[in-house]
């Protein structure tokens, strides 16, 4: 069944507010969230947008995950995903212990191939298989990197850390994903690879976006740009630079700075015209399509939901675009449609996201908040709407 009333995001906000001994009026003033919006969110009559959730989390001095309920432990247990996290955590912890004499690692070329394969699995949203195979890869790659000390060995280890970040982020273990990013930086420095270093700052900026710390996120984007200046020119650097601009655009959008967001989108568009589709360059999905998808995201972050829906209608996603990115896009379009009263269309996009990427979609906070918004709208919904809620929060 869908989340019980005491479990929804609004109820968690109310509980955190009472622990801080704040009235609704006091929290409204402290967070700059309107009193009307706060009361409706707490009652479960309105979903909390990412910007509202972030403002309330900052005012309450709690992580955003405390308010949206991540990680969703009951569902992780049902899907037998919870047991895969501790081995990843343990593998991340041995980064500086040198070669493990008890491990007989595969050859570097085979490990590099496996690291690439796990990146593909994540983009195909086969999170469970990627998580299951990841600890062995990290441990073996750690031993090989310490033994060989070559650039390729450290790059392979960095790739395994990147997958650890992807997996833990998608499953809602945000603190662990931050550790994975620190390990990525550690390996990138030993590989003397500024491209990896710049990409790490992009991923780190996204973490601060999710935490609603936009100022720090923007500083990390600037640091990433500076790091990339140390890299040789070429398509690889262009792709990561373009992706940094896209991250900066979403940060500016959520911070309600439309002019800055447009500047970054425009620059990313110019770079994408030069690179063309580059989905497999560090698996960032960069290219003209990704610029368009981010424009939809920025419009939604600026609360320009009707414009976001119209922009999405004008786009055609390539059939071979990564399922993880397609599903994320459909979830964001569904959120914009929900806010504009297009409840049937919004639910169809949630269904499409589930079809494309069931594991990712089930653990996506935007999906859950959008579903809650559709439920609170009290409109007549298709018969499979209840089944969807049962699947989200069985």
Protein backbone atom coordinates (compact mmCIF):
# COMPACT_ATOMS: atom_id res chain seq x y z
CA UNK A 1 0.00 0.00 0.00
CA UNK A 2 1.08 3.64 -0.36
CA UNK A 3 2.85 5.28 2.56
CA UNK A 4 0.69 5.60 5.66
CA UNK A 5 -0.13 9.17 6.59
CA UNK A 6 2.33 9.17 9.51
CA UNK A 7 5.15 8.15 7.17
CA UNK A 8 4.88 10.82 4.47
CA UNK A 9 7.41 13.61 4.04
CA UNK A 10 5.11 16.20 5.58
CA UNK A 11 4.78 14.13 8.74
CA UNK A 12 8.56 13.87 9.01
CA UNK A 13 8.83 17.65 8.58
CA UNK A 14 6.25 18.14 11.33
CA UNK A 15 8.12 15.77 13.65
CA UNK A 16 11.45 17.53 13.04
CA UNK A 17 9.80 20.92 13.58
CA UNK A 18 8.36 19.84 16.92
CA UNK A 19 11.73 18.48 18.04
CA UNK A 20 13.16 21.95 17.35
CA UNK A 21 10.23 23.44 19.31
CA UNK A 22 9.20 25.64 16.43
CA UNK A 23 5.68 26.64 15.48
CA UNK A 24 4.64 26.45 11.85
CA UNK A 25 4.80 30.24 11.66
CA UNK A 26 8.33 30.27 13.12
CA UNK A 27 9.56 27.60 10.69
CA UNK A 28 7.92 29.45 7.82
CA UNK A 29 9.78 32.64 8.73
CA UNK A 30 13.07 30.83 9.34
CA UNK A 31 12.96 28.91 6.03
CA UNK A 32 11.27 31.54 3.81
CA UNK A 33 8.72 28.88 2.86
CA UNK A 34 5.23 30.34 2.86
CA UNK A 35 3.02 29.45 5.82
CA UNK A 36 0.33 28.14 3.45
CA UNK A 37 2.78 25.85 1.66
CA UNK A 38 4.24 24.54 4.93
CA UNK A 39 0.86 23.72 6.43
CA UNK A 40 -0.28 21.91 3.28
CA UNK A 41 2.98 19.94 3.06
CA UNK A 42 2.77 18.90 6.70
CA UNK A 43 -0.83 17.76 6.21
CA UNK A 44 0.14 15.70 3.17
CA UNK A 45 -2.13 17.83 0.99
CA UNK A 46 0.81 19.08 -1.13
CA UNK A 47 4.10 17.42 -2.10
CA UNK A 48 7.32 19.12 -1.10
CA UNK A 49 9.30 20.37 -4.09
CA UNK A 50 13.10 19.90 -3.90
CA UNK A 51 13.65 23.60 -3.21
CA UNK A 52 11.03 23.66 -0.44
CA UNK A 53 12.42 20.49 1.09
CA UNK A 54 15.92 21.93 0.98
CA UNK A 55 14.88 25.21 2.59
CA UNK A 56 13.09 23.39 5.40
CA UNK A 57 16.02 21.03 5.96
CA UNK A 58 18.43 23.97 6.26
CA UNK A 59 16.11 25.78 8.66
CA UNK A 60 15.72 22.66 10.79
CA UNK A 61 19.45 21.79 10.61
CA UNK A 62 18.76 18.25 9.45
CA UNK A 63 19.81 16.35 6.31
CA UNK A 64 17.33 16.36 3.44
CA UNK A 65 17.33 12.56 3.68
CA UNK A 66 15.84 12.76 7.18
CA UNK A 67 12.84 14.54 5.71
CA UNK A 68 12.35 12.46 2.56
CA UNK A 69 12.93 9.19 4.40
CA UNK A 70 16.01 7.90 2.57
CA UNK A 71 17.25 5.25 2.51
CA UNK A 72 13.99 3.31 2.16
CA UNK A 73 15.11 0.40 4.32
CA UNK A 74 11.95 -1.71 4.25
CA UNK A 75 11.89 -1.73 0.45
CA UNK A 76 15.65 -2.36 0.27
CA UNK A 77 15.17 -5.36 2.54
CA UNK A 78 12.33 -6.71 0.41
CA UNK A 79 14.44 -6.37 -2.73
CA UNK A 80 17.43 -7.95 -0.94
CA UNK A 81 19.50 -4.87 -1.67
CA UNK A 82 20.26 -3.90 1.93
CA UNK A 83 22.68 -6.78 2.34
CA UNK A 84 24.79 -5.53 -0.57
CA UNK A 85 25.69 -2.21 1.06
CA UNK A 86 27.95 -3.39 3.89
CA UNK A 87 30.37 -5.25 1.55
CA UNK A 88 30.68 -2.04 -0.51
CA UNK A 89 31.36 -0.06 2.65
CA UNK A 90 34.05 -2.54 3.73
CA UNK A 91 35.69 -2.46 0.28
CA UNK A 92 35.85 1.35 0.38
CA UNK A 93 37.57 1.22 3.76
CA UNK A 94 40.71 -0.64 2.60
CA UNK A 95 41.84 2.00 0.13
CA UNK A 96 45.10 2.90 1.90
CA UNK A 97 46.14 -0.49 3.27
CA UNK A 98 48.28 -1.45 0.31
CA UNK A 99 48.19 -4.76 -1.53
CA UNK A 100 46.24 -7.55 0.19
CA UNK A 101 48.35 -10.71 0.30
CA UNK A 102 45.22 -12.84 0.63
CA UNK A 103 43.80 -11.64 -2.69
CA UNK A 104 44.72 -13.08 -6.07
CA UNK A 105 43.46 -10.35 -8.38
CA UNK A 106 42.52 -10.64 -12.00
CA UNK A 107 44.79 -9.08 -14.60
CA UNK A 108 44.55 -5.30 -14.92
CA UNK A 109 43.03 -5.50 -18.40
CA UNK A 110 40.31 -7.81 -17.10
CA UNK A 111 39.62 -5.53 -14.13
CA UNK A 112 39.40 -2.50 -16.43
CA UNK A 113 36.90 -4.38 -18.59
CA UNK A 114 34.87 -5.33 -15.52
CA UNK A 115 34.88 -1.72 -14.30
CA UNK A 116 33.48 -0.63 -17.66
CA UNK A 117 30.91 -3.41 -17.53
CA UNK A 118 29.65 -2.25 -14.14
CA UNK A 119 29.29 1.30 -15.49
CA UNK A 120 27.11 -0.15 -18.25
CA UNK A 121 25.03 -2.11 -15.71
CA UNK A 122 24.34 1.05 -13.72
CA UNK A 123 23.29 2.95 -16.86
CA UNK A 124 21.01 0.01 -17.70
CA UNK A 125 19.73 0.37 -14.08
CA UNK A 126 20.71 -3.16 -13.10
CA UNK A 127 21.75 -1.81 -9.72
CA UNK A 128 21.49 -5.09 -7.85
CA UNK A 129 23.96 -6.94 -10.07
CA UNK A 130 26.36 -4.00 -10.11
CA UNK A 131 26.26 -3.75 -6.31
CA UNK A 132 26.83 -7.48 -5.93
CA UNK A 133 29.92 -7.51 -8.14
CA UNK A 134 31.37 -4.21 -6.96
CA UNK A 135 33.13 -5.16 -3.68
CA UNK A 136 35.34 -7.80 -5.34
CA UNK A 137 36.24 -5.35 -8.10
CA UNK A 138 37.20 -2.63 -5.61
CA UNK A 139 39.31 -4.99 -3.49
CA UNK A 140 41.10 -6.50 -6.47
CA UNK A 141 41.64 -3.13 -8.14
CA UNK A 142 42.99 -1.74 -4.86
CA UNK A 143 45.60 -4.50 -4.66
CA UNK A 144 46.57 -4.10 -8.31
CA UNK A 145 46.85 -0.31 -8.04
CA UNK A 146 49.12 -0.54 -5.02
CA UNK A 147 51.18 -3.28 -6.69
CA UNK A 148 51.61 -1.76 -10.16
CA UNK A 149 51.23 1.92 -9.36
CA UNK A 150 50.49 2.73 -13.02
CA UNK A 151 48.14 5.40 -14.30
CA UNK A 152 45.83 2.77 -15.80
CA UNK A 153 45.70 0.85 -12.53
CA UNK A 154 44.72 3.95 -10.54
CA UNK A 155 42.19 4.92 -13.23
CA UNK A 156 40.58 1.48 -12.99
CA UNK A 157 40.34 1.82 -9.22
CA UNK A 158 38.85 5.30 -9.66
CA UNK A 159 36.24 3.84 -12.03
CA UNK A 160 35.23 1.30 -9.39
CA UNK A 161 34.83 4.12 -6.88
CA UNK A 162 32.67 6.00 -9.39
CA UNK A 163 30.34 3.00 -9.59
CA UNK A 164 30.25 2.84 -5.79
CA UNK A 165 29.10 6.45 -5.81
CA UNK A 166 26.42 5.73 -8.41
CA UNK A 167 25.07 2.67 -6.60
CA UNK A 168 24.98 4.19 -3.12
CA UNK A 169 23.44 7.43 -4.39
CA UNK A 170 20.66 5.64 -6.24
CA UNK A 171 19.86 3.53 -3.18
CA UNK A 172 19.81 6.56 -0.88
CA UNK A 173 22.98 5.98 1.17
CA UNK A 174 24.18 9.55 0.78
CA UNK A 175 26.88 9.49 3.47
CA UNK A 176 28.45 6.42 1.87
CA UNK A 177 28.32 8.02 -1.56
CA UNK A 178 30.36 10.93 -0.15
CA UNK A 179 33.03 8.46 0.99
CA UNK A 180 33.08 6.93 -2.49
CA UNK A 181 33.71 10.39 -3.96
CA UNK A 182 36.60 10.98 -1.56
CA UNK A 183 38.10 7.67 -2.68
CA UNK A 184 37.63 8.70 -6.31
CA UNK A 185 39.62 11.88 -5.70
CA UNK A 186 42.32 9.90 -3.88
CA UNK A 187 42.72 7.54 -6.85
CA UNK A 188 42.49 10.36 -9.43
CA UNK A 189 45.37 12.19 -7.77
CA UNK A 190 47.55 9.08 -7.93
CA UNK A 191 46.62 8.65 -11.58
CA UNK A 192 47.55 12.31 -12.18
CA UNK A 193 44.28 12.54 -14.10
CA UNK A 194 42.71 16.05 -14.00
CA UNK A 195 39.74 14.81 -16.06
CA UNK A 196 38.79 12.41 -13.28
CA UNK A 197 39.42 15.16 -10.75
CA UNK A 198 37.10 17.54 -12.59
CA UNK A 199 34.43 14.87 -12.90
CA UNK A 200 34.67 14.17 -9.19
CA UNK A 201 33.94 17.83 -8.45
CA UNK A 202 30.88 17.62 -10.73
CA UNK A 203 29.57 14.57 -8.85
CA UNK A 204 30.35 16.24 -5.54
CA UNK A 205 28.43 19.35 -6.64
CA UNK A 206 25.43 17.12 -7.35
CA UNK A 207 25.67 15.78 -3.81
CA UNK A 208 25.49 19.33 -2.49
CA UNK A 209 22.56 20.01 -4.82
CA UNK A 210 20.69 17.10 -3.20
CA UNK A 211 21.67 18.50 0.20
CA UNK A 212 20.35 21.92 -0.89
CA UNK A 213 23.70 23.61 -0.22
CA UNK A 214 23.74 25.57 -3.48
CA UNK A 215 26.56 27.92 -2.54
CA UNK A 216 29.00 25.08 -1.89
CA UNK A 217 27.79 23.30 -5.01
CA UNK A 218 28.60 26.35 -7.13
CA UNK A 219 32.05 26.61 -5.58
CA UNK A 220 32.69 22.96 -6.45
CA UNK A 221 31.68 23.59 -10.05
CA UNK A 222 34.21 26.41 -10.22
CA UNK A 223 36.86 24.15 -8.70
CA UNK A 224 36.05 21.46 -11.24
CA UNK A 225 36.46 23.94 -14.10
CA UNK A 226 39.81 25.01 -12.68
CA UNK A 227 40.94 21.39 -12.37
CA UNK A 228 40.05 20.69 -15.99
CA UNK A 229 42.31 23.52 -17.14
CA UNK A 230 45.21 21.23 -16.25
CA UNK A 231 44.02 18.59 -18.75
CA UNK A 232 44.96 18.40 -22.40
CA UNK A 233 42.40 19.91 -24.74
CA UNK A 234 40.09 17.62 -26.66
CA UNK A 235 36.70 15.95 -26.70
CA UNK A 236 37.08 14.27 -23.30
CA UNK A 237 37.77 17.57 -21.54
CA UNK A 238 34.98 19.26 -23.50
CA UNK A 239 32.47 16.63 -22.39
CA UNK A 240 33.29 16.95 -18.69
CA UNK A 241 33.36 20.75 -18.99
CA UNK A 242 29.94 20.70 -20.63
CA UNK A 243 28.58 18.45 -17.92
CA UNK A 244 29.89 20.84 -15.27
CA UNK A 245 27.94 23.62 -16.98
CA UNK A 246 24.80 21.48 -16.87
CA UNK A 247 25.29 20.83 -13.17
CA UNK A 248 25.81 24.54 -12.60
CA UNK A 249 22.59 25.29 -14.50
CA UNK A 250 20.51 23.02 -12.26
CA UNK A 251 22.13 24.47 -9.13
CA UNK A 252 21.30 27.99 -10.30
CA UNK A 253 17.78 26.94 -11.21
CA UNK A 254 17.06 25.47 -7.81
CA UNK A 255 18.52 28.64 -6.29
CA UNK A 256 15.98 30.56 -8.44
CA UNK A 257 18.68 32.30 -10.48
CA UNK A 258 17.28 31.96 -13.98
CA UNK A 259 19.77 34.23 -15.73
CA UNK A 260 22.80 32.31 -14.49
CA UNK A 261 21.11 29.01 -15.30
CA UNK A 262 20.53 30.17 -18.87
CA UNK A 263 24.17 31.22 -19.25
CA UNK A 264 25.35 27.75 -18.26
CA UNK A 265 22.78 26.01 -20.46
CA UNK A 266 23.83 28.12 -23.44
CA UNK A 267 27.51 27.34 -22.92
CA UNK A 268 26.75 23.64 -22.51
CA UNK A 269 24.76 23.80 -25.75
CA UNK A 270 27.69 25.34 -27.61
CA UNK A 271 30.01 22.62 -26.31
CA UNK A 272 27.50 19.89 -27.19
CA UNK A 273 27.30 21.20 -30.76
CA UNK A 274 31.04 20.64 -30.92
CA UNK A 275 31.17 17.20 -29.27
CA UNK A 276 27.94 15.73 -30.61
CA UNK A 277 26.40 12.82 -28.70
CA UNK A 278 28.96 11.62 -26.16
CA UNK A 279 27.00 9.30 -23.90
CA UNK A 280 29.91 6.92 -23.29
CA UNK A 281 32.56 9.48 -22.39
CA UNK A 282 32.85 8.76 -18.67
CA UNK A 283 29.21 7.64 -18.98
CA UNK A 284 27.98 11.19 -18.42
CA UNK A 285 25.39 11.01 -21.23
CA UNK A 286 26.56 14.40 -22.46
CA UNK A 287 25.43 15.80 -25.78
CA UNK A 288 22.61 17.83 -27.33
CA UNK A 289 19.94 15.55 -25.85
CA UNK A 290 21.29 15.94 -22.35
CA UNK A 291 21.34 19.72 -22.74
CA UNK A 292 17.65 19.62 -23.69
CA UNK A 293 16.82 17.34 -20.77
CA UNK A 294 18.62 19.66 -18.38
CA UNK A 295 16.70 22.62 -19.78
CA UNK A 296 13.49 20.83 -18.76
CA UNK A 297 14.98 20.25 -15.30
CA UNK A 298 15.98 23.89 -14.91
CA UNK A 299 12.53 25.14 -15.91
CA UNK A 300 11.00 22.85 -13.30
CA UNK A 301 13.49 24.04 -10.66
CA UNK A 302 12.44 27.62 -11.47
CA UNK A 303 8.82 26.55 -10.84
CA UNK A 304 8.07 27.16 -14.53
CA UNK A 305 6.23 23.87 -14.77
CA UNK A 306 4.07 24.64 -17.81
CA UNK A 307 7.16 25.69 -19.76
CA UNK A 308 8.98 22.54 -18.63
CA UNK A 309 6.11 20.38 -19.91
CA UNK A 310 6.05 22.22 -23.24
CA UNK A 311 9.82 21.85 -23.65
CA UNK A 312 9.60 18.13 -22.89
CA UNK A 313 6.91 17.73 -25.55
CA UNK A 314 9.22 19.21 -28.16
CA UNK A 315 11.97 16.69 -27.41
CA UNK A 316 12.52 13.23 -28.83
CA UNK A 317 14.87 11.05 -26.83
CA UNK A 318 17.07 8.69 -28.86
CA UNK A 319 15.99 5.08 -28.55
CA UNK A 320 19.48 4.06 -27.45
CA UNK A 321 19.79 6.71 -24.75
CA UNK A 322 20.75 5.21 -21.34
CA UNK A 323 17.65 3.89 -19.52
CA UNK A 324 18.84 5.49 -16.28
CA UNK A 325 18.79 8.96 -17.86
CA UNK A 326 15.51 8.37 -19.70
CA UNK A 327 13.75 7.21 -16.55
CA UNK A 328 15.08 10.17 -14.57
CA UNK A 329 13.79 12.52 -17.29
CA UNK A 330 10.34 10.93 -17.30
CA UNK A 331 10.18 11.28 -13.51
CA UNK A 332 11.02 14.97 -13.73
CA UNK A 333 8.46 15.55 -16.48
CA UNK A 334 5.87 13.74 -14.36
CA UNK A 335 6.60 16.14 -11.50
CA UNK A 336 6.06 19.15 -13.77
CA UNK A 337 2.86 17.64 -15.14
CA UNK A 338 1.58 16.98 -11.62
CA UNK A 339 2.10 20.63 -10.67
CA UNK A 340 0.18 21.76 -13.77
CA UNK A 341 -2.78 19.46 -13.04
CA UNK A 342 -2.01 16.94 -15.79
CA UNK A 343 -2.46 14.01 -13.42
CA UNK A 344 -3.13 11.31 -16.02
CA UNK A 345 -0.09 12.31 -18.09
CA UNK A 346 2.04 12.48 -14.95
CA UNK A 347 1.09 8.96 -13.95
CA UNK A 348 1.80 7.67 -17.44
CA UNK A 349 5.31 9.05 -17.18
CA UNK A 350 5.78 7.43 -13.77
CA UNK A 351 4.75 4.15 -15.35
CA UNK A 352 7.23 4.70 -18.17
CA UNK A 353 10.01 5.42 -15.67
CA UNK A 354 9.18 2.18 -13.86
CA UNK A 355 9.18 0.23 -17.12
CA UNK A 356 12.58 1.58 -18.13
CA UNK A 357 14.33 1.45 -14.75
CA UNK A 358 12.36 -0.31 -12.02
CA UNK A 359 15.15 -0.50 -9.44
CA UNK A 360 16.13 3.15 -9.87
CA UNK A 361 12.54 4.40 -9.99
CA UNK A 362 11.45 2.65 -6.80
CA UNK A 363 14.13 4.45 -4.80
CA UNK A 364 13.83 7.86 -6.47
CA UNK A 365 12.59 10.59 -4.06
CA UNK A 366 11.09 12.61 -6.93
CA UNK A 367 8.96 9.64 -7.94
CA UNK A 368 7.67 9.22 -4.40
CA UNK A 369 6.87 12.90 -3.94
CA UNK A 370 5.15 13.04 -7.32
CA UNK A 371 3.07 9.98 -6.50
CA UNK A 372 2.13 11.56 -3.18
CA UNK A 373 1.10 14.73 -5.02
CA UNK A 374 -1.07 12.76 -7.43
CA UNK A 375 -2.66 10.94 -4.52
CA UNK A 376 -3.38 14.17 -2.64
CA UNK A 377 -4.98 15.70 -5.75
CA UNK A 378 -8.00 13.46 -5.11
CA UNK A 379 -8.61 13.09 -8.82
CA UNK A 380 -9.94 9.88 -10.32
CA UNK A 381 -6.89 7.84 -11.28
CA UNK A 382 -6.53 4.60 -13.27
CA UNK A 383 -7.01 1.30 -11.47
CA UNK A 384 -3.29 0.55 -11.54
CA UNK A 385 -2.52 3.72 -9.55
CA UNK A 386 -3.03 1.89 -6.26
CA UNK A 387 -0.88 -0.97 -7.50
CA UNK A 388 1.91 1.51 -8.25
CA UNK A 389 1.72 2.84 -4.71
CA UNK A 390 1.90 -0.69 -3.36
CA UNK A 391 5.00 -1.30 -5.45
CA UNK A 392 6.67 1.90 -4.21
CA UNK A 393 5.99 1.25 -0.52
CA UNK A 394 5.04 -2.38 -0.08
